[in-house]
PDB file of N, CA and C in Angstrom:
ATOM      1  N   MET A   1     -10.885  21.082 -15.446  1.00  0.00           N
ATOM      2  CA  MET A   1     -10.157  21.687 -14.163  1.00  0.00           C
ATOM      3  C   MET A   1      -8.758  20.856 -13.993  1.00  0.00           C
ATOM      4  N   THR A   2      -7.854  21.775 -13.601  1.00  0.00           N
ATOM      5  CA  THR A   2      -6.659  21.257 -13.439  1.00  0.00           C
ATOM      6  C   THR A   2      -6.075  21.494 -12.158  1.00  0.00           C
ATOM      7  N   TYR A   3      -5.480  20.514 -11.416  1.00  0.00           N
ATOM      8  CA  TYR A   3      -5.480  20.711 -10.037  1.00  0.00           C
ATOM      9  C   TYR A   3      -4.104  20.569  -9.889  1.00  0.00           C
ATOM     10  N   THR A   4      -3.144  21.259  -8.461  1.00  0.00           N
ATOM     11  CA  THR A   4      -2.058  21.429  -8.112  1.00  0.00           C
ATOM     12  C   THR A   4      -1.611  20.244  -7.698  1.00  0.00           C
ATOM     13  N   HIS A   5      -0.321  19.942  -7.917  1.00  0.00           N
ATOM     14  CA  HIS A   5       0.354  18.751  -7.248  1.00  0.00           C
ATOM     15  C   HIS A   5      -0.123  18.090  -5.902  1.00  0.00           C
ATOM     16  N   VAL A   6      -0.247  19.204  -5.085  1.00  0.00           N
ATOM     17  CA  VAL A   6      -0.778  19.047  -3.545  1.00  0.00           C
ATOM     18  C   VAL A   6      -2.221  18.594  -3.634  1.00  0.00           C
ATOM     19  N   GLN A   7      -2.957  19.010  -4.363  1.00  0.00           N
ATOM     20  CA  GLN A   7      -4.412  18.831  -4.623  1.00  0.00           C
ATOM     21  C   GLN A   7      -4.684  16.968  -5.121  1.00  0.00           C
ATOM     22  N   ARG A   8      -3.706  16.774  -6.065  1.00  0.00           N
ATOM     23  CA  ARG A   8      -3.861  15.603  -6.719  1.00  0.00           C
ATOM     24  C   ARG A   8      -3.032  14.322  -5.606  1.00  0.00           C
ATOM     25  N   VAL A   9      -2.432  14.866  -4.864  1.00  0.00           N
ATOM     26  CA  VAL A   9      -1.749  13.938  -3.820  1.00  0.00           C
ATOM     27  C   VAL A   9      -2.749  13.660  -2.862  1.00  0.00           C
ATOM     28  N   ARG A  10      -3.733  14.664  -2.428  1.00  0.00           N
ATOM     29  CA  ARG A  10      -4.762  14.737  -1.387  1.00  0.00           C
ATOM     30  C   ARG A  10      -5.421  13.651  -1.797  1.00  0.00           C
ATOM     31  N   ILE A  11      -6.123  13.892  -3.106  1.00  0.00           N
ATOM     32  CA  ILE A  11      -7.090  13.157  -3.690  1.00  0.00           C
ATOM     33  C   ILE A  11      -6.730  11.877  -4.086  1.00  0.00           C
ATOM     34  N   LEU A  12      -5.482  11.445  -4.204  1.00  0.00           N
ATOM     35  CA  LEU A  12      -5.245   9.819  -4.207  1.00  0.00           C
ATOM     36  C   LEU A  12      -5.309   9.582  -3.029  1.00  0.00           C
ATOM     37  N   TYR A  13      -4.568  10.074  -2.159  1.00  0.00           N
ATOM     38  CA  TYR A  13      -4.566   9.812  -0.514  1.00  0.00           C
ATOM     39  C   TYR A  13      -6.001   9.330  -0.217  1.00  0.00           C
ATOM     40  N   LYS A  14      -7.014  10.368  -0.392  1.00  0.00           N
ATOM     41  CA  LYS A  14      -8.208  10.155   0.199  1.00  0.00           C
ATOM     42  C   LYS A  14      -8.916   9.038  -0.720  1.00  0.00           C
ATOM     43  N   THR A  15      -8.581   8.578  -1.810  1.00  0.00           N
ATOM     44  CA  THR A  15      -9.114   7.946  -2.411  1.00  0.00           C
ATOM     45  C   THR A  15      -8.728   6.256  -2.099  1.00  0.00           C
ATOM     46  N   ILE A  16      -7.280   6.270  -1.714  1.00  0.00           N
ATOM     47  CA  ILE A  16      -6.742   4.867  -1.473  1.00  0.00           C
ATOM     48  C   ILE A  16      -7.486   4.720  -0.122  1.00  0.00           C
ATOM     49  N   LEU A  17      -7.700   5.552   0.798  1.00  0.00           N
ATOM     50  CA  LEU A  17      -8.074   5.236   2.163  1.00  0.00           C
ATOM     51  C   LEU A  17      -9.604   4.938   2.060  1.00  0.00           C
ATOM     52  N   LYS A  18     -10.352   5.358   1.112  1.00  0.00           N
ATOM     53  CA  LYS A  18     -11.845   5.007   0.868  1.00  0.00           C
ATOM     54  C   LYS A  18     -11.951   3.231   0.179  1.00  0.00           C
ATOM     55  N   LEU A  19     -10.683   3.266  -0.398  1.00  0.00           N
ATOM     56  CA  LEU A  19     -10.773   1.651  -1.228  1.00  0.00           C
ATOM     57  C   LEU A  19     -10.519   0.864  -0.108  1.00  0.00           C
ATOM     58  N   HIS A  20      -9.654   1.241   1.061  1.00  0.00           N
ATOM     59  CA  HIS A  20      -9.499   0.243   1.950  1.00  0.00           C
ATOM     60  C   HIS A  20     -10.593   0.007   2.923  1.00  0.00           C
ATOM     61  N   ARG A  21     -11.599   0.520   3.011  1.00  0.00           N
ATOM     62  CA  ARG A  21     -12.910   0.473   3.507  1.00  0.00           C
ATOM     63  C   ARG A  21     -13.411  -0.889   3.112  1.00  0.00           C
ATOM     64  N   SER A  22     -13.357  -1.397   1.846  1.00  0.00           N
ATOM     65  CA  SER A  22     -14.134  -2.572   1.425  1.00  0.00           C
ATOM     66  C   SER A  22     -13.058  -3.577   1.688  1.00  0.00           C
ATOM     67  N   LEU A  23     -12.069  -3.718   2.319  1.00  0.00           N
ATOM     68  CA  LEU A  23     -10.950  -4.570   2.703  1.00  0.00           C
ATOM     69  C   LEU A  23     -11.513  -5.258   3.865  1.00  0.00           C
ATOM     70  N   PRO A  24     -11.151  -6.388   4.062  1.00  0.00           N
ATOM     71  CA  PRO A  24     -11.236  -7.268   5.566  1.00  0.00           C
ATOM     72  C   PRO A  24     -10.640  -6.448   6.492  1.00  0.00           C
ATOM     73  N   ASN A  25     -11.158  -6.266   7.494  1.00  0.00           N
ATOM     74  CA  ASN A  25     -10.450  -5.452   8.734  1.00  0.00           C
ATOM     75  C   ASN A  25      -9.064  -5.499   8.719  1.00  0.00           C
ATOM     76  N   GLU A  26      -8.439  -6.623   8.830  1.00  0.00           N
ATOM     77  CA  GLU A  26      -7.062  -7.077   9.222  1.00  0.00           C
ATOM     78  C   GLU A  26      -6.417  -6.463   7.998  1.00  0.00           C
ATOM     79  N   LEU A  27      -6.807  -6.262   6.857  1.00  0.00           N
ATOM     80  CA  LEU A  27      -6.027  -6.043   5.483  1.00  0.00           C
ATOM     81  C   LEU A  27      -6.354  -4.480   5.247  1.00  0.00           C
ATOM     82  N   GLN A  28      -7.228  -4.020   6.063  1.00  0.00           N
ATOM     83  CA  GLN A  28      -7.535  -2.606   6.113  1.00  0.00           C
ATOM     84  C   GLN A  28      -6.642  -1.728   6.964  1.00  0.00           C
ATOM     85  N   ILE A  29      -6.347  -2.410   8.066  1.00  0.00           N
ATOM     86  CA  ILE A  29      -5.249  -1.911   8.775  1.00  0.00           C
ATOM     87  C   ILE A  29      -4.139  -1.783   8.502  1.00  0.00           C
ATOM     88  N   ILE A  30      -3.483  -2.847   7.823  1.00  0.00           N
ATOM     89  CA  ILE A  30      -2.279  -3.155   7.089  1.00  0.00           C
ATOM     90  C   ILE A  30      -2.180  -2.018   6.086  1.00  0.00           C
ATOM     91  N   GLY A  31      -2.910  -2.094   5.218  1.00  0.00           N
ATOM     92  CA  GLY A  31      -3.327  -1.197   3.719  1.00  0.00           C
ATOM     93  C   GLY A  31      -3.196   0.413   4.308  1.00  0.00           C
ATOM     94  N   THR A  32      -3.679   0.532   5.271  1.00  0.00           N
ATOM     95  CA  THR A  32      -4.030   1.950   5.808  1.00  0.00           C
ATOM     96  C   THR A  32      -2.851   2.489   6.376  1.00  0.00           C
ATOM     97  N   ASN A  33      -2.010   1.681   7.078  1.00  0.00           N
ATOM     98  CA  ASN A  33      -0.911   2.043   7.891  1.00  0.00           C
ATOM     99  C   ASN A  33       0.184   2.240   6.771  1.00  0.00           C
ATOM    100  N   TYR A  34      -0.037   1.140   5.748  1.00  0.00           N
ATOM    101  CA  TYR A  34       1.283   1.051   4.746  1.00  0.00           C
ATOM    102  C   TYR A  34       1.109   2.548   3.942  1.00  0.00           C
ATOM    103  N   ALA A  35       0.153   2.643   3.598  1.00  0.00           N
ATOM    104  CA  ALA A  35      -0.290   3.944   2.696  1.00  0.00           C
ATOM    105  C   ALA A  35       0.175   5.163   3.470  1.00  0.00           C
ATOM    106  N   ARG A  36       0.023   5.259   4.891  1.00  0.00           N
ATOM    107  CA  ARG A  36       0.112   6.448   5.431  1.00  0.00           C
ATOM    108  C   ARG A  36       1.510   6.713   5.520  1.00  0.00           C
ATOM    109  N   GLU A  37       2.385   5.366   5.832  1.00  0.00           N
ATOM    110  CA  GLU A  37       3.847   5.652   5.873  1.00  0.00           C
ATOM    111  C   GLU A  37       4.528   6.136   4.692  1.00  0.00           C
ATOM    112  N   GLU A  38       4.007   5.344   3.619  1.00  0.00           N
ATOM    113  CA  GLU A  38       4.589   5.703   2.475  1.00  0.00           C
ATOM    114  C   GLU A  38       4.244   7.150   1.605  1.00  0.00           C
ATOM    115  N   PHE A  39       3.269   7.730   2.043  1.00  0.00           N
ATOM    116  CA  PHE A  39       2.931   9.137   1.896  1.00  0.00           C
ATOM    117  C   PHE A  39       3.881  10.296   2.750  1.00  0.00           C
ATOM    118  N   LYS A  40       4.020   9.528   3.928  1.00  0.00           N
ATOM    119  CA  LYS A  40       4.902  10.337   4.933  1.00  0.00           C
ATOM    120  C   LYS A  40       6.390  10.597   4.391  1.00  0.00           C
ATOM    121  N   ARG A  41       6.816   9.187   4.072  1.00  0.00           N
ATOM    122  CA  ARG A  41       8.103   9.033   3.455  1.00  0.00           C
ATOM    123  C   ARG A  41       8.602   9.935   2.084  1.00  0.00           C
ATOM    124  N   HIS A  42       7.419  10.182   1.602  1.00  0.00           N
ATOM    125  CA  HIS A  42       7.804  10.956   0.271  1.00  0.00           C
ATOM    126  C   HIS A  42       7.214  12.432   0.139  1.00  0.00           C
ATOM    127  N   LYS A  43       7.051  13.045   1.378  1.00  0.00           N
ATOM    128  CA  LYS A  43       6.606  14.210   1.836  1.00  0.00           C
ATOM    129  C   LYS A  43       7.505  15.189   1.071  1.00  0.00           C
ATOM    130  N   ARG A  44       8.731  14.846   1.284  1.00  0.00           N
ATOM    131  CA  ARG A  44       9.524  15.902   1.046  1.00  0.00           C
ATOM    132  C   ARG A  44      10.496  15.544  -0.120  1.00  0.00           C
ATOM    133  N   CYS A  45      10.253  14.343  -1.210  1.00  0.00           N
ATOM    134  CA  CYS A  45      10.785  14.044  -2.427  1.00  0.00           C
ATOM    135  C   CYS A  45      11.013  14.871  -3.399  1.00  0.00           C
ATOM    136  N   SER A  46      11.968  14.995  -4.337  1.00  0.00           N
ATOM    137  CA  SER A  46      12.338  15.308  -5.432  1.00  0.00           C
ATOM    138  C   SER A  46      10.940  15.338  -6.472  1.00  0.00           C
ATOM    139  N   ARG A  47      11.008  16.571  -7.344  1.00  0.00           N
ATOM    140  CA  ARG A  47       9.760  16.278  -8.332  1.00  0.00           C
ATOM    141  C   ARG A  47       9.840  15.147  -9.047  1.00  0.00           C
ATOM    142  N   ASN A  48      11.022  14.596  -9.379  1.00  0.00           N
ATOM    143  CA  ASN A  48      11.180  13.466 -10.115  1.00  0.00           C
ATOM    144  C   ASN A  48      10.631  12.101  -9.490  1.00  0.00           C
ATOM    145  N   GLU A  49      10.876  12.001  -8.398  1.00  0.00           N
ATOM    146  CA  GLU A  49      10.338  11.064  -7.378  1.00  0.00           C
ATOM    147  C   GLU A  49       8.969  10.900  -6.994  1.00  0.00           C
ATOM    148  N   ALA A  50       8.401  12.477  -6.868  1.00  0.00           N
ATOM    149  CA  ALA A  50       7.131  12.743  -6.472  1.00  0.00           C
ATOM    150  C   ALA A  50       6.504  12.093  -7.965  1.00  0.00           C
ATOM    151  N   ASN A  51       6.727  12.110  -9.123  1.00  0.00           N
ATOM    152  CA  ASN A  51       6.148  11.660 -10.393  1.00  0.00           C
ATOM    153  C   ASN A  51       6.095  10.474 -10.303  1.00  0.00           C
ATOM    154  N   ILE A  52       7.022   9.765  -9.962  1.00  0.00           N
ATOM    155  CA  ILE A  52       7.025   8.015 -10.109  1.00  0.00           C
ATOM    156  C   ILE A  52       6.323   7.665  -8.959  1.00  0.00           C
ATOM    157  N   PHE A  53       6.319   8.169  -7.882  1.00  0.00           N
ATOM    158  CA  PHE A  53       5.423   8.022  -6.624  1.00  0.00           C
ATOM    159  C   PHE A  53       3.940   7.883  -7.119  1.00  0.00           C
ATOM    160  N   MET A  54       3.504   9.157  -7.693  1.00  0.00           N
ATOM    161  CA  MET A  54       2.323   9.306  -7.924  1.00  0.00           C
ATOM    162  C   MET A  54       1.758   8.288  -8.890  1.00  0.00           C
ATOM    163  N   ASN A  55       2.581   8.005  -9.952  1.00  0.00           N
ATOM    164  CA  ASN A  55       2.372   7.216 -11.241  1.00  0.00           C
ATOM    165  C   ASN A  55       2.397   5.801 -10.699  1.00  0.00           C
ATOM    166  N   GLU A  56       3.116   5.553  -9.890  1.00  0.00           N
ATOM    167  CA  GLU A  56       2.896   4.164  -9.067  1.00  0.00           C
ATOM    168  C   GLU A  56       1.762   3.823  -8.456  1.00  0.00           C
ATOM    169  N   TRP A  57       1.313   4.638  -7.377  1.00  0.00           N
ATOM    170  CA  TRP A  57      -0.009   4.347  -7.027  1.00  0.00           C
ATOM    171  C   TRP A  57      -1.228   4.549  -7.471  1.00  0.00           C
ATOM    172  N   THR A  58      -1.200   5.685  -8.589  1.00  0.00           N
ATOM    173  CA  THR A  58      -2.131   5.503  -9.459  1.00  0.00           C
ATOM    174  C   THR A  58      -2.527   4.376 -10.122  1.00  0.00           C
ATOM    175  N   LEU A  59      -1.344   3.673 -10.761  1.00  0.00           N
ATOM    176  CA  LEU A  59      -1.538   2.403 -11.456  1.00  0.00           C
ATOM    177  C   LEU A  59      -2.260   1.329 -10.471  1.00  0.00           C
ATOM    178  N   GLY A  60      -1.673   1.338  -9.391  1.00  0.00           N
ATOM    179  CA  GLY A  60      -2.029   0.326  -8.580  1.00  0.00           C
ATOM    180  C   GLY A  60      -3.739   0.375  -8.046  1.00  0.00           C
ATOM    181  N   LEU A  61      -4.308   1.885  -8.220  1.00  0.00           N
ATOM    182  CA  LEU A  61      -5.711   1.772  -8.244  1.00  0.00           C
ATOM    183  C   LEU A  61      -6.545   1.372  -9.262  1.00  0.00           C
ATOM    184  N   ARG A  62      -6.133   1.183 -10.449  1.00  0.00           N
ATOM    185  CA  ARG A  62      -6.391   0.539 -11.916  1.00  0.00           C
ATOM    186  C   ARG A  62      -6.331  -0.928 -11.902  1.00  0.00           C
ATOM    187  N   GLY A  63      -5.757  -1.440 -11.044  1.00  0.00           N
ATOM    188  CA  GLY A  63      -5.588  -2.770 -10.852  1.00  0.00           C
ATOM    189  C   GLY A  63      -6.900  -3.505 -10.789  1.00  0.00           C
ATOM    190  N   PRO A  64      -6.596  -4.998  -9.956  1.00  0.00           N
ATOM    191  CA  PRO A  64      -8.111  -5.703 -10.214  1.00  0.00           C
ATOM    192  C   PRO A  64      -8.738  -5.600  -8.981  1.00  0.00           C
ATOM    193  N   GLN A  65     -10.299  -5.685  -9.129  1.00  0.00           N
ATOM    194  CA  GLN A  65     -10.870  -5.216  -7.960  1.00  0.00           C
ATOM    195  C   GLN A  65     -11.128  -6.629  -6.977  1.00  0.00           C
ATOM    196  N   THR A  66     -11.007  -6.405  -5.917  1.00  0.00           N
ATOM    197  CA  THR A  66     -11.072  -7.792  -5.046  1.00  0.00           C
ATOM    198  C   THR A  66     -12.347  -8.245  -5.233  1.00  0.00           C
ATOM    199  N   GLY A  67     -13.243  -7.595  -4.386  1.00  0.00           N
ATOM    200  CA  GLY A  67     -14.808  -8.178  -4.307  1.00  0.00           C
ATOM    201  C   GLY A  67     -14.664  -9.133  -3.175  1.00  0.00           C
ATOM    202  N   THR A  68     -15.147 -10.296  -3.596  1.00  0.00           N
ATOM    203  CA  THR A  68     -14.834 -11.486  -2.551  1.00  0.00           C
ATOM    204  C   THR A  68     -13.621 -12.592  -3.041  1.00  0.00           C
ATOM    205  N   LYS A  69     -13.259 -12.135  -3.849  1.00  0.00           N
ATOM    206  CA  LYS A  69     -12.259 -12.887  -4.314  1.00  0.00           C
ATOM    207  C   LYS A  69     -10.897 -12.972  -3.165  1.00  0.00           C
ATOM    208  N   LYS A  70     -10.091 -14.342  -3.186  1.00  0.00           N
ATOM    209  CA  LYS A  70      -9.147 -14.701  -2.318  1.00  0.00           C
ATOM    210  C   LYS A  70      -8.172 -13.422  -2.444  1.00  0.00           C
ATOM    211  N   ILE A  71      -7.690 -12.780  -1.541  1.00  0.00           N
ATOM    212  CA  ILE A  71      -6.508 -12.022  -1.801  1.00  0.00           C
ATOM    213  C   ILE A  71      -5.212 -12.650  -1.449  1.00  0.00           C
ATOM    214  N   GLY A  72      -4.005 -12.271  -2.098  1.00  0.00           N
ATOM    215  CA  GLY A  72      -2.761 -12.694  -2.054  1.00  0.00           C
ATOM    216  C   GLY A  72      -2.398 -13.957  -2.421  1.00  0.00           C
ATOM    217  N   SER A  73      -1.184 -14.122  -2.859  1.00  0.00           N
ATOM    218  CA  SER A  73      -0.625 -15.707  -3.497  1.00  0.00           C
ATOM    219  C   SER A  73       0.917 -15.524  -2.867  1.00  0.00           C
ATOM    220  N   ALA A  74       1.288 -16.790  -2.961  1.00  0.00           N
ATOM    221  CA  ALA A  74       2.689 -16.696  -2.579  1.00  0.00           C
ATOM    222  C   ALA A  74       3.584 -16.350  -3.828  1.00  0.00           C
ATOM    223  N   LEU A  75       4.696 -15.622  -3.736  1.00  0.00           N
ATOM    224  CA  LEU A  75       5.503 -15.166  -4.695  1.00  0.00           C
ATOM    225  C   LEU A  75       6.540 -16.404  -5.142  1.00  0.00           C
ATOM    226  N   ALA A  76       6.633 -16.506  -6.343  1.00  0.00           N
ATOM    227  CA  ALA A  76       7.451 -17.692  -7.100  1.00  0.00           C
ATOM    228  C   ALA A  76       8.881 -17.078  -6.587  1.00  0.00           C
ATOM    229  N   PRO A  77      10.040 -18.036  -6.391  1.00  0.00           N
ATOM    230  CA  PRO A  77      11.398 -17.617  -6.022  1.00  0.00           C
ATOM    231  C   PRO A  77      11.714 -16.977  -7.315  1.00  0.00           C
ATOM    232  N   SER A  78      11.617 -16.999  -8.557  1.00  0.00           N
ATOM    233  CA  SER A  78      11.828 -16.461  -9.460  1.00  0.00           C
ATOM    234  C   SER A  78      11.464 -14.894  -9.441  1.00  0.00           C
ATOM    235  N   ALA A  79      10.293 -14.611  -9.152  1.00  0.00           N
ATOM    236  CA  ALA A  79       9.845 -13.351  -8.912  1.00  0.00           C
ATOM    237  C   ALA A  79      10.707 -12.650  -7.696  1.00  0.00           C
ATOM    238  N   LEU A  80      10.928 -13.354  -7.110  1.00  0.00           N
ATOM    239  CA  LEU A  80      11.857 -12.643  -5.788  1.00  0.00           C
ATOM    240  C   LEU A  80      13.314 -12.279  -6.092  1.00  0.00           C
ATOM    241  N   ASP A  81      13.560 -13.112  -7.051  1.00  0.00           N
ATOM    242  CA  ASP A  81      15.030 -12.704  -7.657  1.00  0.00           C
ATOM    243  C   ASP A  81      14.877 -11.525  -8.846  1.00  0.00           C
ATOM    244  N   GLN A  82      14.093 -11.021  -9.027  1.00  0.00           N
ATOM    245  CA  GLN A  82      13.758  -9.839  -9.773  1.00  0.00           C
ATOM    246  C   GLN A  82      13.956  -8.680  -8.876  1.00  0.00           C
ATOM    247  N   LEU A  83      13.467  -9.000  -7.787  1.00  0.00           N
ATOM    248  CA  LEU A  83      13.320  -7.619  -6.675  1.00  0.00           C
ATOM    249  C   LEU A  83      14.681  -7.014  -6.815  1.00  0.00           C
ATOM    250  N   ARG A  84      14.680  -5.721  -6.704  1.00  0.00           N
ATOM    251  CA  ARG A  84      15.436  -4.803  -6.094  1.00  0.00           C
ATOM    252  C   ARG A  84      15.935  -4.933  -4.477  1.00  0.00           C
ATOM    253  N   ASP A  85      17.009  -4.375  -3.696  1.00  0.00           N
ATOM    254  CA  ASP A  85      17.442  -4.850  -2.426  1.00  0.00           C
ATOM    255  C   ASP A  85      16.145  -3.790  -1.738  1.00  0.00           C
ATOM    256  N   ASP A  86      15.899  -2.661  -2.440  1.00  0.00           N
ATOM    257  CA  ASP A  86      14.891  -1.969  -1.261  1.00  0.00           C
ATOM    258  C   ASP A  86      13.267  -2.500  -1.492  1.00  0.00           C
ATOM    259  N   GLN A  87      13.338  -3.146  -2.638  1.00  0.00           N
ATOM    260  CA  GLN A  87      11.703  -4.060  -2.600  1.00  0.00           C
ATOM    261  C   GLN A  87      11.877  -4.745  -1.800  1.00  0.00           C
ATOM    262  N   ILE A  88      12.950  -5.559  -1.698  1.00  0.00           N
ATOM    263  CA  ILE A  88      12.728  -6.945  -0.840  1.00  0.00           C
ATOM    264  C   ILE A  88      12.530  -6.391   0.631  1.00  0.00           C
ATOM    265  N   ILE A  89      13.247  -5.393   0.865  1.00  0.00           N
ATOM    266  CA  ILE A  89      12.982  -4.678   2.405  1.00  0.00           C
ATOM    267  C   ILE A  89      11.494  -4.190   2.505  1.00  0.00           C
ATOM    268  N   GLN A  90      10.940  -3.552   1.727  1.00  0.00           N
ATOM    269  CA  GLN A  90       9.610  -3.099   1.377  1.00  0.00           C
ATOM    270  C   GLN A  90       8.539  -4.359   2.035  1.00  0.00           C
ATOM    271  N   LEU A  91       8.910  -5.300   1.329  1.00  0.00           N
ATOM    272  CA  LEU A  91       8.173  -6.657   1.322  1.00  0.00           C
ATOM    273  C   LEU A  91       8.455  -7.084   2.677  1.00  0.00           C
ATOM    274  N   TYR A  92       9.421  -7.317   3.160  1.00  0.00           N
ATOM    275  CA  TYR A  92       9.783  -7.833   4.558  1.00  0.00           C
ATOM    276  C   TYR A  92       8.949  -6.685   5.738  1.00  0.00           C
ATOM    277  N   GLU A  93       9.036  -5.617   4.977  1.00  0.00           N
ATOM    278  CA  GLU A  93       8.491  -4.419   6.371  1.00  0.00           C
ATOM    279  C   GLU A  93       6.870  -4.760   6.287  1.00  0.00           C
ATOM    280  N   LEU A  94       6.412  -5.300   5.170  1.00  0.00           N
ATOM    281  CA  LEU A  94       4.765  -5.358   4.794  1.00  0.00           C
ATOM    282  C   LEU A  94       4.552  -6.745   5.690  1.00  0.00           C
ATOM    283  N   LYS A  95       5.406  -7.489   5.356  1.00  0.00           N
ATOM    284  CA  LYS A  95       5.200  -9.061   6.076  1.00  0.00           C
ATOM    285  C   LYS A  95       5.491  -8.988   7.797  1.00  0.00           C
ATOM    286  N   GLU A  96       6.149  -8.156   8.210  1.00  0.00           N
ATOM    287  CA  GLU A  96       5.968  -7.883   9.825  1.00  0.00           C
ATOM    288  C   GLU A  96       5.053  -7.157   9.883  1.00  0.00           C
ATOM    289  N   GLU A  97       4.695  -6.269   9.452  1.00  0.00           N
ATOM    290  CA  GLU A  97       3.613  -5.053   9.634  1.00  0.00           C
ATOM    291  C   GLU A  97       2.371  -6.108   9.744  1.00  0.00           C
ATOM    292  N   SER A  98       2.001  -6.804   8.789  1.00  0.00           N
ATOM    293  CA  SER A  98       0.923  -8.141   8.596  1.00  0.00           C
ATOM    294  C   SER A  98       0.949  -9.137   9.962  1.00  0.00           C
ATOM    295  N   SER A  99       2.042  -9.841  10.188  1.00  0.00           N
ATOM    296  CA  SER A  99       2.271 -10.418  11.408  1.00  0.00           C
ATOM    297  C   SER A  99       1.627  -9.606  12.672  1.00  0.00           C
ATOM    298  N   ARG A 100       1.983  -8.248  12.778  1.00  0.00           N
ATOM    299  CA  ARG A 100       1.866  -7.519  13.920  1.00  0.00           C
ATOM    300  C   ARG A 100       0.235  -7.267  13.975  1.00  0.00           C
ATOM    301  N   ALA A 101      -0.395  -7.099  12.820  1.00  0.00           N
ATOM    302  CA  ALA A 101      -1.689  -6.839  12.986  1.00  0.00           C
ATOM    303  C   ALA A 101      -2.442  -7.897  13.024  1.00  0.00           C
ATOM    304  N   LYS A 102      -2.179  -9.348  12.522  1.00  0.00           N
ATOM    305  CA  LYS A 102      -2.694 -10.463  12.803  1.00  0.00           C
ATOM    306  C   LYS A 102      -2.502 -10.832  14.434  1.00  0.00           C
ATOM    307  N   ASN A 103      -1.351 -10.872  14.893  1.00  0.00           N
ATOM    308  CA  ASN A 103      -1.278 -11.397  16.470  1.00  0.00           C
ATOM    309  C   ASN A 103      -2.202 -10.340  17.029  1.00  0.00           C
ATOM    310  N   THR A 104      -2.414  -8.794  16.896  1.00  0.00           N
ATOM    311  CA  THR A 104      -2.971  -7.791  17.422  1.00  0.00           C
ATOM    312  C   THR A 104      -4.529  -8.135  17.560  1.00  0.00           C
ATOM    313  N   GLU A 105      -4.875  -8.884  16.474  1.00  0.00           N
ATOM    314  CA  GLU A 105      -6.187  -9.053  16.131  1.00  0.00           C
ATOM    315  C   GLU A 105      -6.670 -10.303  16.995  1.00  0.00           C
ATOM    316  N   GLY A 106      -5.845 -11.201  16.999  1.00  0.00           N
ATOM    317  CA  GLY A 106      -5.885 -12.476  18.006  1.00  0.00           C
ATOM    318  C   GLY A 106      -5.901 -12.040  19.211  1.00  0.00           C
ATOM    319  N   THR A 107      -5.175 -11.279  19.724  1.00  0.00           N
ATOM    320  CA  THR A 107      -5.042 -11.068  21.369  1.00  0.00           C
ATOM    321  C   THR A 107      -6.754 -10.419  21.539  1.00  0.00           C
ATOM    322  N   ALA A 108      -6.905  -9.608  20.796  1.00  0.00           N
ATOM    323  CA  ALA A 108      -8.404  -8.876  20.875  1.00  0.00           C
ATOM    324  C   ALA A 108      -9.521  -9.823  20.909  1.00  0.00           C
ATOM    325  N   GLU A 109      -9.512 -10.652  20.284  1.00  0.00           N
ATOM    326  CA  GLU A 109     -10.871 -11.670  20.206  1.00  0.00           C
ATOM    327  C   GLU A 109     -10.542 -12.611  21.608  1.00  0.00           C
ATOM    328  N   THR A 110      -9.681 -12.857  22.195  1.00  0.00           N
ATOM    329  CA  THR A 110      -9.425 -13.728  23.178  1.00  0.00           C
ATOM    330  C   THR A 110      -9.921 -13.270  24.550  1.00  0.00           C
TER     331      THR A 110
END
């Protein structure tokens, strides 16, 4: 069965959201918000950009399964030096969003 581009995007998006359900709550919120914003940003991109976007997100789905393993680690300075400016901005936005989610969760518990 061959899917249209729109169908493939919807399947990918729904798959990502389903995978987020298995994450700890604070990471689920961050991941879902991040995915939602990324898909919105690329809604009207060129065909070439859409292919790159879909390929990158699909590759992410094939990555390691977290289960009960610790998630995340510090980036080495050499790894940061290899990032493009837009990737650094994206990393910073992710840091800010995670800080907001953590602060929101902390105030909800008190």
